[in-house]
Amino acid sequence: MVRKHAELGNQITEGVIWQQILLFFFPILFGTFFQQLYNAADAMIVGRFVGKEALSAVAGSSGMLVQLIVGFFVGLSSGAGVLVSQYYGARRPEMVGYAVHTVVVFSILAGIVMTVLGILLTPWMLASMGTPEEVQGLSVVYMRVYFCGMVANLVYNTGASILRAVGDSRRPLYFLVASCLVNIALDVVLVVVFQMGVTGAALATILSQLLSAVLVTVTLMRTKDMHHLDIRQLHLDGRMLGRMIRIGFPAGLQSVMYGLSNVIIQAGINSLGTNTVAAWASYSKIDGLFWMMVNAFGISVTTFVGQNYGAGRLDRVRAGVKSCMTMTVAASVMMSVLIFNWGIYGYQLFTTDQEVIQIGIAMMRYLSPVYVTYVSIEILSGALRGVGDSWIPMVMCLFGVCALRVGWILFAVPLNRNIYMIMFSYPLTWVITTLMFFIYYEFFSQLGRKGRR
């Protein structure tokens, strides 16, 4: 087993660059697809069998809050993934072990805290977003049940991050496939057969998350490689936790900033009525096709850069960033064409309400052509994070995405409150932030021109 994983690590640091990125990318892409399907299953089934209010409760404000809270932890724990990939590339088993055991303990403790705070604060959070009254009661029920499964959610995300950091992107995919199928089956049983509504959808989600958490934990315990998990050695290593937080906290905060700006946008959409909320909720699932693709490339470049940086292969690091950028741009253009022309059929999976569908189509055809303007933010921030440079990217996102987007919603949108004014905040902030990333990467980062001197 040790030899097998060692060879895998050598492929990442020595094989053909574009092939290694794609071999790592596709399992992550398919895994993210099943994660999107996993999340969309609740929305599809409650939208079709319960109603648009239930759809709004499951995929509207609730979905935004879940992304905000879980996104922060996933970003924070990404510091562990970076360290594991660097230590693994440098062949330092004792440091890999410290990182693995520390982040697993941290995920369990964080999950407990999130569960308690989530259950207590859910009504206040939803009210603060201006969630429509006809949706708020259902949203509170869904969120409180969902928060009960937070430990399993974080343990899975942590374990999957560890596996990907050492070059194993296939088993997280297998676990997500199994979990997704269980989730869909439970959705049908609990929502359609037993008519449990949003409660059934939430229960289906947390039970399937528990399955994926068990699978990833067993895998880490059984491996003989450097990332082996030994329950008896679980503890918080102070120095290792500090290193993880220094790298991961900016990424977590960056995720929160994206989430907060999206929460503010959701609040603006909530003010336009239930039909618009339902249309936006449906579009977010179709839009997820793009995000799962670009995020998969972002994770791939972070792991590729981390292992090669740890192995001292800076030539491969820079070449890998260029290769990944080219492939992501090409894939984004193809995704835009696909969603613009055929995304209309996706709405029929979520609702039969024609007014909701028409609003959603307008959203889709406005935003899908500008996806490519976001690509550089994901790839360059992922590459910089792979070498431990995460603070400056966070600051750029703070001003370029969060502050500007919030300012637009608060000051520009009230002058002409409609869905197009709200949506314009996305391409506006993507273009400006992309320019900042290019300037920093090329002229100031250790991977740009300055780093090549």
Protein backbone atom coordinates (compact mmCIF):
# COMPACT_ATOMS: atom_id res chain seq x y z
CA MET A 1 0.00 0.00 0.00
CA VAL A 2 2.79 2.42 0.86
CA ARG A 3 4.51 1.80 -2.44
CA LYS A 4 1.30 2.30 -4.38
CA HIS A 5 0.68 5.73 -2.90
CA ALA A 6 4.30 6.73 -3.20
CA GLU A 7 4.11 6.02 -6.94
CA LEU A 8 0.94 8.11 -7.16
CA GLY A 9 2.70 11.03 -5.51
CA ASN A 10 5.65 10.69 -7.93
CA GLN A 11 3.26 10.84 -10.89
CA ILE A 12 2.00 14.22 -9.71
CA THR A 13 5.54 15.56 -9.30
CA GLU A 14 7.05 13.91 -12.39
CA GLY A 15 4.37 12.95 -14.94
CA VAL A 16 3.04 14.88 -17.95
CA ILE A 17 1.55 18.02 -16.42
CA TRP A 18 -1.75 18.42 -18.27
CA GLN A 19 -2.44 14.69 -18.04
CA GLN A 20 -1.82 14.62 -14.29
CA ILE A 21 -4.10 17.62 -13.75
CA LEU A 22 -6.89 16.01 -15.78
CA LEU A 23 -6.46 12.61 -14.10
CA PHE A 24 -6.91 14.38 -10.79
CA PHE A 25 -9.60 16.74 -12.11
CA PHE A 26 -12.14 14.27 -13.48
CA PRO A 27 -12.78 12.32 -10.25
CA ILE A 28 -13.21 15.65 -8.43
CA LEU A 29 -15.54 16.89 -11.19
CA PHE A 30 -17.72 13.79 -11.04
CA GLY A 31 -17.62 13.89 -7.26
CA THR A 32 -18.74 17.52 -7.27
CA PHE A 33 -21.45 16.62 -9.79
CA PHE A 34 -22.83 14.05 -7.41
CA GLN A 35 -22.54 16.55 -4.58
CA GLN A 36 -24.62 18.98 -6.65
CA LEU A 37 -27.07 16.20 -7.46
CA TYR A 38 -27.03 15.35 -3.76
CA ASN A 39 -28.11 18.92 -2.94
CA ALA A 40 -30.45 19.25 -5.91
CA ALA A 41 -32.35 16.06 -5.07
CA ASP A 42 -34.01 17.72 -2.09
CA ALA A 43 -34.99 20.72 -4.21
CA MET A 44 -36.28 18.60 -7.10
CA ILE A 45 -38.45 16.36 -4.98
CA VAL A 46 -39.93 18.96 -2.65
CA GLY A 47 -40.44 21.37 -5.57
CA ARG A 48 -42.36 18.78 -7.57
CA PHE A 49 -44.24 17.01 -4.77
CA VAL A 50 -44.68 19.66 -2.06
CA GLY A 51 -44.72 23.07 -3.75
CA LYS A 52 -42.78 26.23 -4.56
CA GLU A 53 -42.83 27.39 -0.92
CA ALA A 54 -41.04 24.20 0.10
CA LEU A 55 -38.64 24.63 -2.84
CA SER A 56 -37.83 28.15 -1.66
CA ALA A 57 -37.35 26.88 1.91
CA VAL A 58 -34.91 24.13 0.89
CA ALA A 59 -32.92 25.92 -1.82
CA GLY A 60 -33.41 29.64 -1.12
CA SER A 61 -32.23 31.37 2.03
CA SER A 62 -31.51 28.02 3.70
CA GLY A 63 -29.17 27.00 0.90
CA MET A 64 -27.30 30.29 1.14
CA LEU A 65 -26.82 29.94 4.89
CA VAL A 66 -25.58 26.36 4.58
CA GLN A 67 -23.03 27.42 1.94
CA LEU A 68 -21.93 30.29 4.14
CA ILE A 69 -21.38 28.23 7.29
CA VAL A 70 -19.99 25.03 5.78
CA GLY A 71 -17.91 27.05 3.30
CA PHE A 72 -16.06 28.76 6.13
CA PHE A 73 -15.02 25.46 7.70
CA VAL A 74 -14.09 23.88 4.37
CA GLY A 75 -11.94 26.92 3.61
CA LEU A 76 -10.41 26.82 7.08
CA SER A 77 -9.61 23.12 6.81
CA SER A 78 -8.07 23.69 3.37
CA GLY A 79 -4.99 24.76 5.33
CA ALA A 80 -4.65 21.14 6.40
CA GLY A 81 -4.98 19.98 2.79
CA VAL A 82 -2.21 22.33 1.70
CA LEU A 83 0.11 21.17 4.48
CA VAL A 84 -0.65 17.49 3.86
CA SER A 85 0.08 17.89 0.14
CA GLN A 86 3.34 19.75 0.81
CA TYR A 87 4.56 17.28 3.46
CA TYR A 88 3.46 14.36 1.30
CA GLY A 89 5.38 15.75 -1.69
CA ALA A 90 8.41 16.25 0.57
CA ARG A 91 8.04 12.68 1.95
CA ARG A 92 7.69 13.68 5.65
CA PRO A 93 5.37 11.06 7.20
CA GLU A 94 5.52 12.36 10.78
CA MET A 95 4.28 15.80 9.71
CA VAL A 96 1.52 14.30 7.57
CA GLY A 97 0.39 12.33 10.63
CA TYR A 98 0.29 15.42 12.86
CA ALA A 99 -1.77 17.28 10.26
CA VAL A 100 -4.27 14.44 9.73
CA HIS A 101 -5.01 13.80 13.40
CA THR A 102 -5.22 17.49 14.28
CA VAL A 103 -7.67 18.41 11.53
CA VAL A 104 -9.95 15.42 12.27
CA VAL A 105 -10.27 16.45 15.93
CA PHE A 106 -10.82 20.04 14.89
CA SER A 107 -13.61 19.04 12.48
CA ILE A 108 -15.46 17.11 15.20
CA LEU A 109 -15.26 20.00 17.68
CA ALA A 110 -16.26 22.54 15.02
CA GLY A 111 -19.21 20.37 14.01
CA ILE A 112 -20.52 20.27 17.58
CA VAL A 113 -20.24 24.05 17.94
CA MET A 114 -21.96 24.64 14.58
CA THR A 115 -24.80 22.29 15.51
CA VAL A 116 -25.58 24.12 18.74
CA LEU A 117 -25.26 27.62 17.30
CA GLY A 118 -27.13 26.69 14.14
CA ILE A 119 -30.16 25.34 15.99
CA LEU A 120 -30.29 28.40 18.26
CA LEU A 121 -29.66 31.11 15.66
CA THR A 122 -31.55 29.78 12.62
CA PRO A 123 -34.75 31.90 13.12
CA TRP A 124 -32.70 35.07 13.57
CA MET A 125 -30.49 34.37 10.55
CA LEU A 126 -33.46 33.72 8.27
CA ALA A 127 -35.34 36.78 9.52
CA SER A 128 -32.23 38.93 8.95
CA MET A 129 -32.25 37.88 5.29
CA GLY A 130 -35.85 39.00 4.84
CA THR A 131 -37.08 35.50 4.09
CA PRO A 132 -40.76 35.70 2.96
CA GLU A 133 -43.23 34.83 5.74
CA GLU A 134 -44.79 31.99 3.79
CA VAL A 135 -41.35 30.38 3.51
CA GLN A 136 -39.74 31.18 6.87
CA GLY A 137 -41.46 28.52 8.98
CA LEU A 138 -40.49 25.73 6.58
CA SER A 139 -36.95 27.11 6.32
CA VAL A 140 -36.50 27.05 10.12
CA VAL A 141 -37.57 23.40 10.27
CA TYR A 142 -35.27 22.40 7.41
CA MET A 143 -32.24 24.25 8.79
CA ARG A 144 -32.57 22.95 12.34
CA VAL A 145 -32.73 19.34 11.19
CA TYR A 146 -29.86 19.95 8.78
CA PHE A 147 -27.63 21.35 11.53
CA CYS A 148 -28.03 18.11 13.48
CA GLY A 149 -25.84 16.42 10.87
CA MET A 150 -23.06 19.01 10.89
CA VAL A 151 -20.41 16.78 12.53
CA ALA A 152 -20.80 14.14 9.80
CA ASN A 153 -20.73 16.85 7.13
CA LEU A 154 -17.45 18.32 8.37
CA VAL A 155 -15.79 14.94 8.99
CA TYR A 156 -16.51 13.89 5.41
CA ASN A 157 -15.21 17.16 3.95
CA THR A 158 -12.07 16.91 6.07
CA GLY A 159 -11.41 13.29 5.14
CA ALA A 160 -12.03 13.93 1.46
CA SER A 161 -9.62 16.88 1.58
CA ILE A 162 -6.91 14.66 3.09
CA LEU A 163 -7.36 11.99 0.43
CA ARG A 164 -7.24 14.54 -2.39
CA ALA A 165 -4.14 16.16 -0.87
CA VAL A 166 -2.22 12.88 -1.26
CA GLY A 167 -3.47 12.43 -4.84
CA ASP A 168 -6.41 10.10 -4.16
CA SER A 169 -9.39 11.80 -5.81
CA ARG A 170 -11.23 8.59 -6.75
CA ARG A 171 -12.43 7.30 -3.40
CA PRO A 172 -14.08 10.60 -2.39
CA LEU A 173 -15.97 10.25 -5.68
CA TYR A 174 -17.10 6.72 -4.84
CA PHE A 175 -18.28 7.83 -1.41
CA LEU A 176 -20.26 10.73 -2.87
CA VAL A 177 -21.91 8.46 -5.43
CA ALA A 178 -23.02 6.07 -2.69
CA SER A 179 -24.19 8.92 -0.48
CA CYS A 180 -26.06 10.61 -3.34
CA LEU A 181 -27.94 7.44 -4.25
CA VAL A 182 -28.92 6.90 -0.63
CA ASN A 183 -30.05 10.53 -0.37
CA ILE A 184 -32.29 10.26 -3.43
CA ALA A 185 -33.79 6.99 -2.21
CA LEU A 186 -34.48 8.47 1.22
CA ASP A 187 -35.97 11.61 -0.35
CA VAL A 188 -38.46 9.48 -2.25
CA VAL A 189 -39.34 7.42 0.81
CA LEU A 190 -39.56 10.25 3.34
CA VAL A 191 -40.98 13.06 1.19
CA VAL A 192 -43.12 11.26 -1.39
CA VAL A 193 -44.21 8.09 0.43
CA PHE A 194 -44.38 9.29 4.06
CA GLN A 195 -45.13 12.92 3.08
CA MET A 196 -42.73 14.40 5.65
CA GLY A 197 -42.10 17.52 3.55
CA VAL A 198 -38.98 19.57 4.26
CA THR A 199 -38.31 17.56 7.43
CA GLY A 200 -38.00 14.41 5.35
CA ALA A 201 -35.68 16.15 2.87
CA ALA A 202 -33.41 17.32 5.69
CA LEU A 203 -33.38 13.87 7.32
CA ALA A 204 -32.46 12.27 4.00
CA THR A 205 -29.54 14.68 3.67
CA ILE A 206 -28.04 14.18 7.12
CA LEU A 207 -28.38 10.38 7.02
CA SER A 208 -26.62 10.19 3.66
CA GLN A 209 -23.91 12.55 4.98
CA LEU A 210 -23.40 10.19 7.90
CA LEU A 211 -22.78 7.35 5.44
CA SER A 212 -20.10 9.32 3.56
CA ALA A 213 -18.43 10.32 6.85
CA VAL A 214 -18.22 6.69 7.96
CA LEU A 215 -16.80 5.59 4.61
CA VAL A 216 -14.06 8.23 4.52
CA THR A 217 -13.12 7.60 8.17
CA VAL A 218 -12.80 3.85 7.62
CA THR A 219 -10.65 4.49 4.54
CA LEU A 220 -8.24 6.70 6.48
CA MET A 221 -8.04 4.13 9.28
CA ARG A 222 -7.27 1.27 6.89
CA THR A 223 -4.61 2.91 4.74
CA LYS A 224 -0.98 2.01 5.40
CA ASP A 225 0.35 5.21 3.86
CA MET A 226 1.51 8.39 5.59
CA HIS A 227 -2.03 9.72 6.02
CA HIS A 228 -3.14 6.76 8.17
CA LEU A 229 -5.68 7.69 10.87
CA ASP A 230 -5.21 6.07 14.28
CA ILE A 231 -8.07 6.81 16.68
CA ARG A 232 -5.68 6.44 19.64
CA GLN A 233 -3.52 9.28 18.32
CA LEU A 234 -6.32 11.81 17.87
CA HIS A 235 -5.27 15.08 19.49
CA LEU A 236 -4.90 18.77 18.73
CA ASP A 237 -1.27 19.59 17.98
CA GLY A 238 -0.98 23.28 18.80
CA ARG A 239 1.78 24.12 16.36
CA MET A 240 0.16 22.21 13.51
CA LEU A 241 -3.23 23.77 14.21
CA GLY A 242 -1.59 27.20 14.13
CA ARG A 243 -0.05 26.48 10.73
CA MET A 244 -3.37 25.23 9.37
CA ILE A 245 -5.19 28.32 10.57
CA ARG A 246 -2.57 30.68 9.14
CA ILE A 247 -3.09 29.11 5.71
CA GLY A 248 -6.74 28.13 5.96
CA PHE A 249 -8.28 31.08 7.81
CA PRO A 250 -7.94 33.48 4.86
CA ALA A 251 -9.55 30.85 2.60
CA GLY A 252 -12.36 30.34 5.12
CA LEU A 253 -12.85 34.07 5.49
CA GLN A 254 -12.83 34.43 1.71
CA SER A 255 -15.57 31.82 1.50
CA VAL A 256 -17.55 33.70 4.15
CA MET A 257 -17.18 36.93 2.21
CA TYR A 258 -18.52 35.27 -0.91
CA GLY A 259 -21.29 33.78 1.19
CA LEU A 260 -22.19 37.06 2.90
CA SER A 261 -22.34 38.91 -0.38
CA ASN A 262 -24.58 36.14 -1.74
CA VAL A 263 -26.74 36.37 1.40
CA ILE A 264 -27.17 40.08 0.76
CA ILE A 265 -28.06 39.33 -2.86
CA GLN A 266 -30.52 36.69 -1.63
CA ALA A 267 -32.09 39.31 0.63
CA GLY A 268 -32.53 41.57 -2.39
CA ILE A 269 -34.10 38.74 -4.35
CA ASN A 270 -36.38 37.91 -1.41
CA SER A 271 -37.83 41.41 -1.72
CA LEU A 272 -39.02 40.59 -5.26
CA GLY A 273 -41.43 37.87 -4.14
CA THR A 274 -41.79 34.09 -3.89
CA ASN A 275 -41.74 33.46 -7.66
CA THR A 276 -38.39 35.19 -8.03
CA VAL A 277 -37.02 33.38 -4.96
CA ALA A 278 -38.08 30.02 -6.41
CA ALA A 279 -36.62 30.90 -9.82
CA TRP A 280 -33.29 31.93 -8.24
CA ALA A 281 -33.25 28.74 -6.16
CA SER A 282 -33.75 26.66 -9.31
CA TYR A 283 -31.15 28.63 -11.27
CA SER A 284 -28.62 28.11 -8.49
CA LYS A 285 -28.83 24.36 -9.11
CA ILE A 286 -28.36 24.73 -12.89
CA ASP A 287 -25.63 27.31 -12.29
CA GLY A 288 -23.99 24.68 -10.09
CA LEU A 289 -22.81 22.88 -13.24
CA PHE A 290 -20.34 25.69 -13.87
CA TRP A 291 -19.26 25.99 -10.25
CA MET A 292 -18.61 22.28 -9.86
CA MET A 293 -16.35 22.41 -12.92
CA VAL A 294 -14.35 25.48 -11.95
CA ASN A 295 -14.07 24.38 -8.31
CA ALA A 296 -12.74 20.99 -9.42
CA PHE A 297 -10.01 22.73 -11.41
CA GLY A 298 -9.29 24.94 -8.39
CA ILE A 299 -8.87 21.94 -6.07
CA SER A 300 -6.73 20.20 -8.69
CA VAL A 301 -4.33 23.10 -9.09
CA THR A 302 -4.00 23.54 -5.32
CA THR A 303 -2.99 19.90 -4.83
CA PHE A 304 -0.74 19.88 -7.91
CA VAL A 305 1.02 23.07 -6.80
CA GLY A 306 1.24 21.91 -3.16
CA GLN A 307 2.93 18.59 -3.92
CA ASN A 308 5.31 20.02 -6.52
CA TYR A 309 6.16 22.97 -4.29
CA GLY A 310 6.89 20.54 -1.43
CA ALA A 311 9.11 18.53 -3.78
CA GLY A 312 10.96 21.68 -4.89
CA ARG A 313 9.68 21.48 -8.50
CA LEU A 314 8.90 25.18 -9.09
CA ASP A 315 9.20 24.76 -12.86
CA ARG A 316 6.29 22.31 -12.78
CA VAL A 317 4.34 24.60 -10.46
CA ARG A 318 4.35 27.50 -12.94
CA ALA A 319 3.75 25.31 -15.96
CA GLY A 320 0.88 23.60 -14.15
CA VAL A 321 -0.85 26.91 -13.39
CA LYS A 322 -0.71 27.92 -17.07
CA SER A 323 -1.97 24.54 -18.22
CA CYS A 324 -4.81 24.52 -15.71
CA MET A 325 -5.82 28.09 -16.62
CA THR A 326 -6.02 27.23 -20.32
CA MET A 327 -8.13 24.14 -19.73
CA THR A 328 -10.47 25.95 -17.33
CA VAL A 329 -11.10 28.83 -19.74
CA ALA A 330 -11.94 26.40 -22.54
CA ALA A 331 -14.25 24.37 -20.29
CA SER A 332 -15.98 27.55 -19.04
CA VAL A 333 -16.79 28.72 -22.56
CA MET A 334 -18.27 25.31 -23.38
CA MET A 335 -20.30 25.37 -20.14
CA SER A 336 -21.69 28.81 -20.97
CA VAL A 337 -22.85 27.62 -24.38
CA LEU A 338 -24.43 24.50 -22.85
CA ILE A 339 -26.35 26.34 -20.12
CA PHE A 340 -27.42 29.26 -22.33
CA ASN A 341 -28.90 27.00 -25.02
CA TRP A 342 -30.17 24.00 -23.09
CA GLY A 343 -30.46 25.08 -19.46
CA ILE A 344 -34.16 25.75 -20.01
CA TYR A 345 -34.85 22.03 -19.69
CA GLY A 346 -33.30 22.01 -16.23
CA TYR A 347 -36.04 24.19 -14.76
CA GLN A 348 -38.68 21.58 -15.48
CA LEU A 349 -36.92 19.29 -13.02
CA PHE A 350 -37.66 21.70 -10.18
CA THR A 351 -41.05 23.25 -10.87
CA THR A 352 -44.03 23.29 -13.21
CA ASP A 353 -44.94 26.91 -12.42
CA GLN A 354 -44.59 28.77 -15.75
CA GLU A 355 -43.99 32.19 -14.21
CA VAL A 356 -41.14 30.79 -12.13
CA ILE A 357 -39.66 29.13 -15.21
CA GLN A 358 -39.80 32.34 -17.29
CA ILE A 359 -38.06 34.36 -14.58
CA GLY A 360 -35.42 31.65 -14.25
CA ILE A 361 -34.69 31.55 -17.98
CA ALA A 362 -34.08 35.30 -17.96
CA MET A 363 -31.62 34.88 -15.09
CA MET A 364 -29.81 32.03 -16.84
CA ARG A 365 -29.35 33.83 -20.15
CA TYR A 366 -28.11 36.97 -18.45
CA LEU A 367 -25.39 35.35 -16.31
CA SER A 368 -24.19 32.28 -18.22
CA PRO A 369 -22.26 34.23 -20.94
CA VAL A 370 -20.00 35.89 -18.33
CA TYR A 371 -18.82 32.79 -16.46
CA VAL A 372 -15.35 33.01 -18.01
CA THR A 373 -14.68 36.28 -16.18
CA TYR A 374 -14.48 34.35 -12.89
CA VAL A 375 -11.98 31.65 -13.95
CA SER A 376 -8.75 33.45 -13.05
CA ILE A 377 -9.95 34.15 -9.51
CA GLU A 378 -10.43 30.44 -8.82
CA ILE A 379 -7.27 29.16 -10.51
CA LEU A 380 -4.84 31.84 -9.31
CA SER A 381 -6.15 31.81 -5.74
CA GLY A 382 -5.94 28.00 -5.73
CA ALA A 383 -2.36 28.08 -7.01
CA LEU A 384 -1.30 30.72 -4.49
CA ARG A 385 -2.94 28.76 -1.68
CA GLY A 386 -0.92 25.70 -2.75
CA VAL A 387 2.31 27.51 -1.83
CA GLY A 388 0.82 28.88 1.38
CA ASP A 389 0.05 32.38 0.04
CA SER A 390 -3.56 32.92 1.09
CA TRP A 391 -3.72 36.29 2.88
CA ILE A 392 -3.29 38.61 -0.10
CA PRO A 393 -5.86 36.68 -2.22
CA MET A 394 -8.27 37.00 0.70
CA VAL A 395 -7.75 40.77 0.88
CA MET A 396 -8.29 41.11 -2.88
CA CYS A 397 -11.54 39.18 -2.63
CA LEU A 398 -12.56 41.28 0.37
CA PHE A 399 -12.44 44.47 -1.66
CA GLY A 400 -13.05 43.17 -5.19
CA VAL A 401 -15.92 40.81 -4.45
CA CYS A 402 -17.43 41.43 -1.04
CA ALA A 403 -17.15 45.20 -0.51
CA LEU A 404 -17.94 46.14 -4.10
CA ARG A 405 -20.84 43.68 -4.37
CA VAL A 406 -22.37 44.79 -1.09
CA GLY A 407 -21.94 48.43 -2.08
CA TRP A 408 -23.69 47.79 -5.38
CA ILE A 409 -26.63 46.06 -3.70
CA LEU A 410 -27.00 48.72 -1.01
CA PHE A 411 -26.54 51.85 -3.12
CA ALA A 412 -27.10 51.08 -6.82
CA VAL A 413 -29.92 48.53 -6.71
CA PRO A 414 -32.37 50.78 -4.78
CA LEU A 415 -32.20 53.25 -7.69
CA ASN A 416 -33.76 50.65 -10.00
CA ARG A 417 -34.80 47.57 -8.04
CA ASN A 418 -35.08 44.67 -10.45
CA ILE A 419 -33.46 41.29 -10.98
CA TYR A 420 -31.04 42.55 -13.65
CA MET A 421 -29.59 45.25 -11.42
CA ILE A 422 -29.05 42.64 -8.71
CA MET A 423 -27.44 40.13 -11.07
CA PHE A 424 -25.08 42.72 -12.58
CA SER A 425 -23.15 42.64 -9.29
CA TYR A 426 -21.66 39.29 -10.36
CA PRO A 427 -19.86 40.19 -13.63
CA LEU A 428 -18.94 43.61 -12.21
CA THR A 429 -17.07 42.13 -9.25
CA TRP A 430 -15.61 39.18 -11.18
CA VAL A 431 -13.95 41.43 -13.77
CA ILE A 432 -12.47 43.84 -11.24
CA THR A 433 -11.20 41.06 -8.96
CA THR A 434 -9.71 39.18 -11.92
CA LEU A 435 -7.65 42.24 -12.86
CA MET A 436 -6.32 42.47 -9.30
CA PHE A 437 -5.37 38.79 -9.26
CA PHE A 438 -3.51 39.04 -12.57
CA ILE A 439 -1.50 42.05 -11.37
CA TYR A 440 -0.61 40.43 -8.04
CA TYR A 441 0.21 37.03 -9.51
CA GLU A 442 2.42 38.35 -12.32
CA PHE A 443 4.28 41.15 -10.53
CA PHE A 444 4.22 40.52 -6.79
CA SER A 445 3.76 36.80 -5.98
CA GLN A 446 6.55 34.22 -5.77
CA LEU A 447 5.01 32.40 -8.74
CA GLY A 448 5.04 35.42 -11.07
CA ARG A 449 7.82 37.37 -12.76
CA LYS A 450 9.35 38.41 -9.46
CA GLY A 451 9.58 34.76 -8.39
CA ARG A 452 11.30 33.80 -11.65
CA ARG A 453 14.23 36.19 -11.19
